[in-house]
PDB file of N, CA and C in Angstrom:
ATOM      1  N   MET A   1      22.086   8.989  10.572  1.00  0.00           N
ATOM      2  CA  MET A   1      21.760   7.594  10.820  1.00  0.00           C
ATOM      3  C   MET A   1      20.380   7.452  11.455  1.00  0.00           C
ATOM      4  N   ILE A   2      20.106   8.297  12.432  1.00  0.00           N
ATOM      5  CA  ILE A   2      18.810   8.196  13.101  1.00  0.00           C
ATOM      6  C   ILE A   2      17.681   8.554  12.151  1.00  0.00           C
ATOM      7  N   SER A   3      17.858   9.591  11.338  1.00  0.00           N
ATOM      8  CA  SER A   3      16.800   9.977  10.410  1.00  0.00           C
ATOM      9  C   SER A   3      16.552   8.880   9.382  1.00  0.00           C
ATOM     10  N   GLU A   4      17.589   8.145   8.979  1.00  0.00           N
ATOM     11  CA  GLU A   4      17.413   7.030   8.046  1.00  0.00           C
ATOM     12  C   GLU A   4      16.561   5.941   8.686  1.00  0.00           C
ATOM     13  N   THR A   5      16.814   5.662   9.961  1.00  0.00           N
ATOM     14  CA  THR A   5      16.051   4.635  10.672  1.00  0.00           C
ATOM     15  C   THR A   5      14.593   5.039  10.780  1.00  0.00           C
ATOM     16  N   TYR A   6      14.340   6.293  11.132  1.00  0.00           N
ATOM     17  CA  TYR A   6      12.957   6.768  11.230  1.00  0.00           C
ATOM     18  C   TYR A   6      12.265   6.719   9.875  1.00  0.00           C
ATOM     19  N   TYR A   7      12.990   7.033   8.833  1.00  0.00           N
ATOM     20  CA  TYR A   7      12.445   6.999   7.475  1.00  0.00           C
ATOM     21  C   TYR A   7      11.988   5.583   7.128  1.00  0.00           C
ATOM     22  N   ILE A   8      12.824   4.611   7.380  1.00  0.00           N
ATOM     23  CA  ILE A   8      12.492   3.215   7.065  1.00  0.00           C
ATOM     24  C   ILE A   8      11.340   2.718   7.936  1.00  0.00           C
ATOM     25  N   ILE A   9      11.375   3.049   9.212  1.00  0.00           N
ATOM     26  CA  ILE A   9      10.301   2.621  10.120  1.00  0.00           C
ATOM     27  C   ILE A   9       8.980   3.253   9.721  1.00  0.00           C
ATOM     28  N   THR A  10       8.992   4.521   9.365  1.00  0.00           N
ATOM     29  CA  THR A  10       7.766   5.207   8.949  1.00  0.00           C
ATOM     30  C   THR A  10       7.160   4.553   7.716  1.00  0.00           C
ATOM     31  N   ILE A  11       7.985   4.259   6.729  1.00  0.00           N
ATOM     32  CA  ILE A  11       7.493   3.613   5.511  1.00  0.00           C
ATOM     33  C   ILE A  11       6.947   2.223   5.827  1.00  0.00           C
ATOM     34  N   ALA A  12       7.621   1.468   6.680  1.00  0.00           N
ATOM     35  CA  ALA A  12       7.172   0.127   7.046  1.00  0.00           C
ATOM     36  C   ALA A  12       5.833   0.178   7.771  1.00  0.00           C
ATOM     37  N   VAL A  13       5.692   1.077   8.723  1.00  0.00           N
ATOM     38  CA  VAL A  13       4.431   1.202   9.466  1.00  0.00           C
ATOM     39  C   VAL A  13       3.309   1.620   8.527  1.00  0.00           C
ATOM     40  N   TRP A  14       3.598   2.555   7.619  1.00  0.00           N
ATOM     41  CA  TRP A  14       2.576   3.001   6.669  1.00  0.00           C
ATOM     42  C   TRP A  14       2.104   1.828   5.796  1.00  0.00           C
ATOM     43  N   ASN A  15       3.010   0.999   5.338  1.00  0.00           N
ATOM     44  CA  ASN A  15       2.623  -0.137   4.510  1.00  0.00           C
ATOM     45  C   ASN A  15       1.809  -1.157   5.303  1.00  0.00           C
ATOM     46  N   ILE A  16       2.108  -1.327   6.582  1.00  0.00           N
ATOM     47  CA  ILE A  16       1.294  -2.208   7.429  1.00  0.00           C
ATOM     48  C   ILE A  16      -0.115  -1.638   7.569  1.00  0.00           C
ATOM     49  N   ILE A  17      -0.220  -0.320   7.728  1.00  0.00           N
ATOM     50  CA  ILE A  17      -1.538   0.322   7.830  1.00  0.00           C
ATOM     51  C   ILE A  17      -2.329   0.121   6.546  1.00  0.00           C
ATOM     52  N   VAL A  18      -1.685   0.316   5.404  1.00  0.00           N
ATOM     53  CA  VAL A  18      -2.366   0.127   4.113  1.00  0.00           C
ATOM     54  C   VAL A  18      -2.842  -1.318   3.968  1.00  0.00           C
ATOM     55  N   CYS A  19      -2.007  -2.276   4.352  1.00  0.00           N
ATOM     56  CA  CYS A  19      -2.395  -3.684   4.302  1.00  0.00           C
ATOM     57  C   CYS A  19      -3.621  -3.932   5.177  1.00  0.00           C
ATOM     58  N   CYS A  20      -3.639  -3.341   6.356  1.00  0.00           N
ATOM     59  CA  CYS A  20      -4.781  -3.502   7.265  1.00  0.00           C
ATOM     60  C   CYS A  20      -6.043  -2.847   6.701  1.00  0.00           C
ATOM     61  N   ILE A  21      -5.889  -1.729   5.997  1.00  0.00           N
ATOM     62  CA  ILE A  21      -7.042  -1.078   5.379  1.00  0.00           C
ATOM     63  C   ILE A  21      -7.646  -1.979   4.311  1.00  0.00           C
ATOM     64  N   TYR A  22      -6.824  -2.652   3.535  1.00  0.00           N
ATOM     65  CA  TYR A  22      -7.328  -3.613   2.554  1.00  0.00           C
ATOM     66  C   TYR A  22      -8.069  -4.748   3.266  1.00  0.00           C
ATOM     67  N   GLY A  23      -7.532  -5.205   4.391  1.00  0.00           N
ATOM     68  CA  GLY A  23      -8.205  -6.238   5.169  1.00  0.00           C
ATOM     69  C   GLY A  23      -9.522  -5.757   5.727  1.00  0.00           C
ATOM     70  N   TYR A  24      -9.559  -4.509   6.188  1.00  0.00           N
ATOM     71  CA  TYR A  24     -10.801  -3.935   6.711  1.00  0.00           C
ATOM     72  C   TYR A  24     -11.859  -3.849   5.610  1.00  0.00           C
ATOM     73  N   ASP A  25     -11.452  -3.444   4.409  1.00  0.00           N
ATOM     74  CA  ASP A  25     -12.401  -3.367   3.298  1.00  0.00           C
ATOM     75  C   ASP A  25     -12.926  -4.755   2.948  1.00  0.00           C
ATOM     76  N   LYS A  26     -12.082  -5.767   3.026  1.00  0.00           N
ATOM     77  CA  LYS A  26     -12.526  -7.143   2.777  1.00  0.00           C
ATOM     78  C   LYS A  26     -13.554  -7.547   3.829  1.00  0.00           C
ATOM     79  N   LEU A  27     -13.308  -7.210   5.087  1.00  0.00           N
ATOM     80  CA  LEU A  27     -14.258  -7.514   6.154  1.00  0.00           C
ATOM     81  C   LEU A  27     -15.589  -6.805   5.917  1.00  0.00           C
ATOM     82  N   CYS A  28     -15.510  -5.539   5.488  1.00  0.00           N
ATOM     83  CA  CYS A  28     -16.741  -4.797   5.177  1.00  0.00           C
ATOM     84  C   CYS A  28     -17.506  -5.449   4.036  1.00  0.00           C
ATOM     85  N   ALA A  29     -16.785  -5.994   3.057  1.00  0.00           N
ATOM     86  CA  ALA A  29     -17.424  -6.676   1.936  1.00  0.00           C
ATOM     87  C   ALA A  29     -18.146  -7.926   2.423  1.00  0.00           C
ATOM     88  N   ILE A  30     -17.521  -8.654   3.328  1.00  0.00           N
ATOM     89  CA  ILE A  30     -18.128  -9.884   3.847  1.00  0.00           C
ATOM     90  C   ILE A  30     -19.356  -9.571   4.698  1.00  0.00           C
ATOM     91  N   LYS A  31     -19.242  -8.560   5.554  1.00  0.00           N
ATOM     92  CA  LYS A  31     -20.313  -8.221   6.494  1.00  0.00           C
ATOM     93  C   LYS A  31     -21.413  -7.364   5.876  1.00  0.00           C
ATOM     94  N   GLY A  32     -21.147  -6.808   4.700  1.00  0.00           N
ATOM     95  CA  GLY A  32     -22.152  -5.970   4.049  1.00  0.00           C
ATOM     96  C   GLY A  32     -22.156  -4.538   4.550  1.00  0.00           C
ATOM     97  N   TYR A  33     -21.061  -4.091   5.161  1.00  0.00           N
ATOM     98  CA  TYR A  33     -20.947  -2.721   5.641  1.00  0.00           C
ATOM     99  C   TYR A  33     -20.540  -1.801   4.506  1.00  0.00           C
ATOM    100  N   GLN A  34     -20.536  -0.488   4.799  1.00  0.00           N
ATOM    101  CA  GLN A  34     -20.111   0.484   3.798  1.00  0.00           C
ATOM    102  C   GLN A  34     -18.638   0.270   3.474  1.00  0.00           C
ATOM    103  N   ARG A  35     -18.323   0.259   2.171  1.00  0.00           N
ATOM    104  CA  ARG A  35     -16.991  -0.081   1.691  1.00  0.00           C
ATOM    105  C   ARG A  35     -16.132   1.149   1.489  1.00  0.00           C
ATOM    106  N   ILE A  36     -14.835   0.926   1.408  1.00  0.00           N
ATOM    107  CA  ILE A  36     -13.872   1.959   1.037  1.00  0.00           C
ATOM    108  C   ILE A  36     -13.834   1.998  -0.488  1.00  0.00           C
ATOM    109  N   SER A  37     -13.829   3.194  -1.053  1.00  0.00           N
ATOM    110  CA  SER A  37     -13.885   3.302  -2.517  1.00  0.00           C
ATOM    111  C   SER A  37     -12.610   2.752  -3.154  1.00  0.00           C
ATOM    112  N   GLU A  38     -12.755   2.276  -4.383  1.00  0.00           N
ATOM    113  CA  GLU A  38     -11.600   1.776  -5.125  1.00  0.00           C
ATOM    114  C   GLU A  38     -10.578   2.885  -5.339  1.00  0.00           C
ATOM    115  N   PHE A  39     -11.056   4.094  -5.564  1.00  0.00           N
ATOM    116  CA  PHE A  39     -10.145   5.227  -5.735  1.00  0.00           C
ATOM    117  C   PHE A  39      -9.266   5.396  -4.496  1.00  0.00           C
ATOM    118  N   THR A  40      -9.877   5.324  -3.320  1.00  0.00           N
ATOM    119  CA  THR A  40      -9.115   5.487  -2.078  1.00  0.00           C
ATOM    120  C   THR A  40      -8.095   4.376  -1.913  1.00  0.00           C
ATOM    121  N   LEU A  41      -8.486   3.136  -2.201  1.00  0.00           N
ATOM    122  CA  LEU A  41      -7.559   2.022  -2.079  1.00  0.00           C
ATOM    123  C   LEU A  41      -6.371   2.181  -3.025  1.00  0.00           C
ATOM    124  N   LEU A  42      -6.637   2.605  -4.242  1.00  0.00           N
ATOM    125  CA  LEU A  42      -5.555   2.811  -5.198  1.00  0.00           C
ATOM    126  C   LEU A  42      -4.711   4.026  -4.831  1.00  0.00           C
ATOM    127  N   PHE A  43      -5.343   5.065  -4.299  1.00  0.00           N
ATOM    128  CA  PHE A  43      -4.595   6.237  -3.855  1.00  0.00           C
ATOM    129  C   PHE A  43      -3.614   5.864  -2.748  1.00  0.00           C
ATOM    130  N   LEU A  44      -4.068   5.048  -1.802  1.00  0.00           N
ATOM    131  CA  LEU A  44      -3.194   4.606  -0.715  1.00  0.00           C
ATOM    132  C   LEU A  44      -2.008   3.817  -1.262  1.00  0.00           C
ATOM    133  N   ALA A  45      -2.248   3.036  -2.306  1.00  0.00           N
ATOM    134  CA  ALA A  45      -1.161   2.274  -2.913  1.00  0.00           C
ATOM    135  C   ALA A  45      -0.117   3.213  -3.509  1.00  0.00           C
ATOM    136  N   PHE A  46      -0.567   4.281  -4.158  1.00  0.00           N
ATOM    137  CA  PHE A  46       0.373   5.220  -4.767  1.00  0.00           C
ATOM    138  C   PHE A  46       0.984   6.180  -3.751  1.00  0.00           C
ATOM    139  N   ALA A  47       0.387   6.283  -2.578  1.00  0.00           N
ATOM    140  CA  ALA A  47       0.920   7.159  -1.523  1.00  0.00           C
ATOM    141  C   ALA A  47       1.941   6.388  -0.694  1.00  0.00           C
ATOM    142  N   PHE A  48       2.913   5.788  -1.374  1.00  0.00           N
ATOM    143  CA  PHE A  48       4.015   5.032  -0.771  1.00  0.00           C
ATOM    144  C   PHE A  48       3.553   3.759  -0.063  1.00  0.00           C
ATOM    145  N   GLY A  49       2.355   3.266  -0.404  1.00  0.00           N
ATOM    146  CA  GLY A  49       1.852   2.048   0.215  1.00  0.00           C
ATOM    147  C   GLY A  49       1.707   0.904  -0.767  1.00  0.00           C
ATOM    148  N   GLY A  50       2.515   0.889  -1.805  1.00  0.00           N
ATOM    149  CA  GLY A  50       2.406  -0.141  -2.839  1.00  0.00           C
ATOM    150  C   GLY A  50       2.630  -1.546  -2.311  1.00  0.00           C
ATOM    151  N   LEU A  51       3.624  -1.720  -1.466  1.00  0.00           N
ATOM    152  CA  LEU A  51       3.900  -3.039  -0.907  1.00  0.00           C
ATOM    153  C   LEU A  51       2.766  -3.472   0.011  1.00  0.00           C
ATOM    154  N   GLY A  52       2.278  -2.579   0.834  1.00  0.00           N
ATOM    155  CA  GLY A  52       1.168  -2.898   1.726  1.00  0.00           C
ATOM    156  C   GLY A  52      -0.097  -3.247   0.961  1.00  0.00           C
ATOM    157  N   ALA A  53      -0.353  -2.531  -0.137  1.00  0.00           N
ATOM    158  CA  ALA A  53      -1.526  -2.819  -0.952  1.00  0.00           C
ATOM    159  C   ALA A  53      -1.414  -4.201  -1.592  1.00  0.00           C
ATOM    160  N   LEU A  54      -0.249  -4.504  -2.132  1.00  0.00           N
ATOM    161  CA  LEU A  54      -0.057  -5.813  -2.756  1.00  0.00           C
ATOM    162  C   LEU A  54      -0.156  -6.934  -1.726  1.00  0.00           C
ATOM    163  N   LEU A  55       0.450  -6.731  -0.561  1.00  0.00           N
ATOM    164  CA  LEU A  55       0.339  -7.735   0.496  1.00  0.00           C
ATOM    165  C   LEU A  55      -1.106  -7.883   0.973  1.00  0.00           C
ATOM    166  N   GLY A  56      -1.830  -6.768   1.051  1.00  0.00           N
ATOM    167  CA  GLY A  56      -3.237  -6.815   1.437  1.00  0.00           C
ATOM    168  C   GLY A  56      -4.079  -7.582   0.437  1.00  0.00           C
ATOM    169  N   MET A  57      -3.784  -7.389  -0.838  1.00  0.00           N
ATOM    170  CA  MET A  57      -4.514  -8.130  -1.869  1.00  0.00           C
ATOM    171  C   MET A  57      -4.259  -9.626  -1.739  1.00  0.00           C
ATOM    172  N   VAL A  58      -3.003  -9.998  -1.544  1.00  0.00           N
ATOM    173  CA  VAL A  58      -2.639 -11.413  -1.475  1.00  0.00           C
ATOM    174  C   VAL A  58      -3.087 -12.036  -0.152  1.00  0.00           C
ATOM    175  N   LEU A  59      -2.820 -11.348   0.941  1.00  0.00           N
ATOM    176  CA  LEU A  59      -3.122 -11.886   2.263  1.00  0.00           C
ATOM    177  C   LEU A  59      -4.623 -12.048   2.485  1.00  0.00           C
ATOM    178  N   TRP A  60      -5.392 -11.047   2.096  1.00  0.00           N
ATOM    179  CA  TRP A  60      -6.838 -11.086   2.328  1.00  0.00           C
ATOM    180  C   TRP A  60      -7.621 -11.587   1.120  1.00  0.00           C
ATOM    181  N   HIS A  61      -6.944 -11.916   0.030  1.00  0.00           N
ATOM    182  CA  HIS A  61      -7.611 -12.330  -1.222  1.00  0.00           C
ATOM    183  C   HIS A  61      -8.652 -11.279  -1.626  1.00  0.00           C
ATOM    184  N   HIS A  62      -8.217 -10.041  -1.617  1.00  0.00           N
ATOM    185  CA  HIS A  62      -9.133  -8.929  -1.850  1.00  0.00           C
ATOM    186  C   HIS A  62      -8.752  -8.182  -3.116  1.00  0.00           C
ATOM    187  N   LYS A  63      -9.722  -7.985  -3.972  1.00  0.00           N
ATOM    188  CA  LYS A  63      -9.564  -7.267  -5.238  1.00  0.00           C
ATOM    189  C   LYS A  63      -8.620  -7.991  -6.202  1.00  0.00           C
ATOM    190  N   THR A  64      -8.428  -9.280  -6.020  1.00  0.00           N
ATOM    191  CA  THR A  64      -7.501 -10.017  -6.879  1.00  0.00           C
ATOM    192  C   THR A  64      -8.109 -10.353  -8.234  1.00  0.00           C
ATOM    193  N   GLN A  65      -9.410 -10.271  -8.376  1.00  0.00           N
ATOM    194  CA  GLN A  65     -10.050 -10.575  -9.656  1.00  0.00           C
ATOM    195  C   GLN A  65     -10.272  -9.332 -10.511  1.00  0.00           C
ATOM    196  N   LYS A  66     -10.093  -8.167  -9.935  1.00  0.00           N
ATOM    197  CA  LYS A  66     -10.318  -6.923 -10.674  1.00  0.00           C
ATOM    198  C   LYS A  66      -9.072  -6.567 -11.478  1.00  0.00           C
ATOM    199  N   TRP A  67      -9.236  -6.416 -12.794  1.00  0.00           N
ATOM    200  CA  TRP A  67      -8.094  -6.143 -13.656  1.00  0.00           C
ATOM    201  C   TRP A  67      -7.416  -4.842 -13.277  1.00  0.00           C
ATOM    202  N   LYS A  68      -8.213  -3.854 -12.833  1.00  0.00           N
ATOM    203  CA  LYS A  68      -7.656  -2.562 -12.463  1.00  0.00           C
ATOM    204  C   LYS A  68      -6.614  -2.720 -11.343  1.00  0.00           C
ATOM    205  N   PHE A  69      -6.926  -3.541 -10.376  1.00  0.00           N
ATOM    206  CA  PHE A  69      -6.011  -3.739  -9.254  1.00  0.00           C
ATOM    207  C   PHE A  69      -4.840  -4.639  -9.645  1.00  0.00           C
ATOM    208  N   LYS A  70      -5.084  -5.602 -10.511  1.00  0.00           N
ATOM    209  CA  LYS A  70      -3.999  -6.473 -10.975  1.00  0.00           C
ATOM    210  C   LYS A  70      -2.917  -5.695 -11.714  1.00  0.00           C
ATOM    211  N   ILE A  71      -3.315  -4.625 -12.387  1.00  0.00           N
ATOM    212  CA  ILE A  71      -2.372  -3.842 -13.178  1.00  0.00           C
ATOM    213  C   ILE A  71      -1.823  -2.654 -12.386  1.00  0.00           C
ATOM    214  N   ILE A  72      -2.702  -1.924 -11.732  1.00  0.00           N
ATOM    215  CA  ILE A  72      -2.302  -0.656 -11.125  1.00  0.00           C
ATOM    216  C   ILE A  72      -1.522  -0.842  -9.822  1.00  0.00           C
ATOM    217  N   VAL A  73      -1.874  -1.825  -9.004  1.00  0.00           N
ATOM    218  CA  VAL A  73      -1.159  -2.002  -7.728  1.00  0.00           C
ATOM    219  C   VAL A  73       0.309  -2.374  -7.948  1.00  0.00           C
ATOM    220  N   PRO A  74       0.652  -3.278  -8.878  1.00  0.00           N
ATOM    221  CA  PRO A  74       2.092  -3.497  -9.121  1.00  0.00           C
ATOM    222  C   PRO A  74       2.810  -2.246  -9.638  1.00  0.00           C
ATOM    223  N   ILE A  75       2.119  -1.427 -10.431  1.00  0.00           N
ATOM    224  CA  ILE A  75       2.712  -0.162 -10.876  1.00  0.00           C
ATOM    225  C   ILE A  75       2.933   0.745  -9.671  1.00  0.00           C
ATOM    226  N   ALA A  76       1.970   0.760  -8.749  1.00  0.00           N
ATOM    227  CA  ALA A  76       2.121   1.559  -7.527  1.00  0.00           C
ATOM    228  C   ALA A  76       3.285   1.049  -6.684  1.00  0.00           C
ATOM    229  N   LEU A  77       3.480  -0.258  -6.676  1.00  0.00           N
ATOM    230  CA  LEU A  77       4.615  -0.825  -5.941  1.00  0.00           C
ATOM    231  C   LEU A  77       5.931  -0.351  -6.555  1.00  0.00           C
ATOM    232  N   LEU A  78       6.028  -0.390  -7.873  1.00  0.00           N
ATOM    233  CA  LEU A  78       7.238   0.097  -8.539  1.00  0.00           C
ATOM    234  C   LEU A  78       7.465   1.578  -8.251  1.00  0.00           C
ATOM    235  N   TRP A  79       6.387   2.360  -8.311  1.00  0.00           N
ATOM    236  CA  TRP A  79       6.473   3.788  -8.003  1.00  0.00           C
ATOM    237  C   TRP A  79       6.975   3.983  -6.567  1.00  0.00           C
ATOM    238  N   SER A  80       6.419   3.228  -5.638  1.00  0.00           N
ATOM    239  CA  SER A  80       6.808   3.364  -4.234  1.00  0.00           C
ATOM    240  C   SER A  80       8.280   3.028  -4.038  1.00  0.00           C
ATOM    241  N   VAL A  81       8.723   1.945  -4.658  1.00  0.00           N
ATOM    242  CA  VAL A  81      10.125   1.549  -4.520  1.00  0.00           C
ATOM    243  C   VAL A  81      11.034   2.637  -5.092  1.00  0.00           C
ATOM    244  N   PHE A  82      10.680   3.154  -6.250  1.00  0.00           N
ATOM    245  CA  PHE A  82      11.486   4.211  -6.859  1.00  0.00           C
ATOM    246  C   PHE A  82      11.500   5.461  -5.988  1.00  0.00           C
ATOM    247  N   ALA A  83      10.316   5.917  -5.568  1.00  0.00           N
ATOM    248  CA  ALA A  83      10.220   7.157  -4.804  1.00  0.00           C
ATOM    249  C   ALA A  83      10.876   7.022  -3.430  1.00  0.00           C
ATOM    250  N   ILE A  84      10.692   5.900  -2.782  1.00  0.00           N
ATOM    251  CA  ILE A  84      11.299   5.687  -1.468  1.00  0.00           C
ATOM    252  C   ILE A  84      12.824   5.593  -1.607  1.00  0.00           C
ATOM    253  N   GLY A  85      13.270   4.872  -2.619  1.00  0.00           N
ATOM    254  CA  GLY A  85      14.707   4.782  -2.856  1.00  0.00           C
ATOM    255  C   GLY A  85      15.324   6.136  -3.173  1.00  0.00           C
ATOM    256  N   TYR A  86      14.635   6.925  -3.956  1.00  0.00           N
ATOM    257  CA  TYR A  86      15.120   8.254  -4.281  1.00  0.00           C
ATOM    258  C   TYR A  86      15.167   9.120  -3.024  1.00  0.00           C
ATOM    259  N   GLY A  87      14.096   9.062  -2.239  1.00  0.00           N
ATOM    260  CA  GLY A  87      14.064   9.833  -0.993  1.00  0.00           C
ATOM    261  C   GLY A  87      15.129   9.378  -0.019  1.00  0.00           C
ATOM    262  N   TYR A  88      15.340   8.092   0.048  1.00  0.00           N
ATOM    263  CA  TYR A  88      16.385   7.550   0.929  1.00  0.00           C
ATOM    264  C   TYR A  88      17.759   8.011   0.470  1.00  0.00           C
ATOM    265  N   GLY A  89      17.947   8.070  -0.834  1.00  0.00           N
ATOM    266  CA  GLY A  89      19.213   8.549  -1.375  1.00  0.00           C
ATOM    267  C   GLY A  89      19.457  10.007  -1.033  1.00  0.00           C
ATOM    268  N   LEU A  90      18.399  10.808  -1.014  1.00  0.00           N
ATOM    269  CA  LEU A  90      18.562  12.201  -0.645  1.00  0.00           C
ATOM    270  C   LEU A  90      18.919  12.354   0.826  1.00  0.00           C
ATOM    271  N   ILE A  91      18.372  11.482   1.664  1.00  0.00           N
ATOM    272  CA  ILE A  91      18.675  11.560   3.091  1.00  0.00           C
ATOM    273  C   ILE A  91      20.118  11.158   3.348  1.00  0.00           C
ATOM    274  N   VAL A  92      20.593  10.118   2.660  1.00  0.00           N
ATOM    275  CA  VAL A  92      21.951   9.628   2.878  1.00  0.00           C
ATOM    276  C   VAL A  92      22.974  10.679   2.465  1.00  0.00           C
ATOM    277  N   ILE A  93      22.681  11.407   1.394  1.00  0.00           N
ATOM    278  CA  ILE A  93      23.611  12.435   0.909  1.00  0.00           C
ATOM    279  C   ILE A  93      23.619  13.544   1.889  1.00  0.00           C
TER     280      ILE A  93
END
C-alpha cells in the first residue's frame, strides 16, 4: 500500500515538474533567454510526463501552434498512461 502511494505521488510530482519546465521555456521565449530544445521538451513528455506536458502546453499556451507538439504530446500522454498503468499493475500484484 505504501509503495503504491509513493508511486502515484512520484508520478504526480514529476508531471508538475514537466508542466513547470514548459512554463519556464515559455518565459524564456518571452524574455529572449536561451530556450530548452524541442527534443528535450518532447523527451520529458515521453519520460512519463505526458500529462504535465499537455497541461503545460494548455496552461502556458506554449507550443500549441507547432504540429509536432499537437501530435506527439497526446501520443506521449497515451504512452504515459499505458506505462504507468502497467507499472502500477505490477506493483499491485
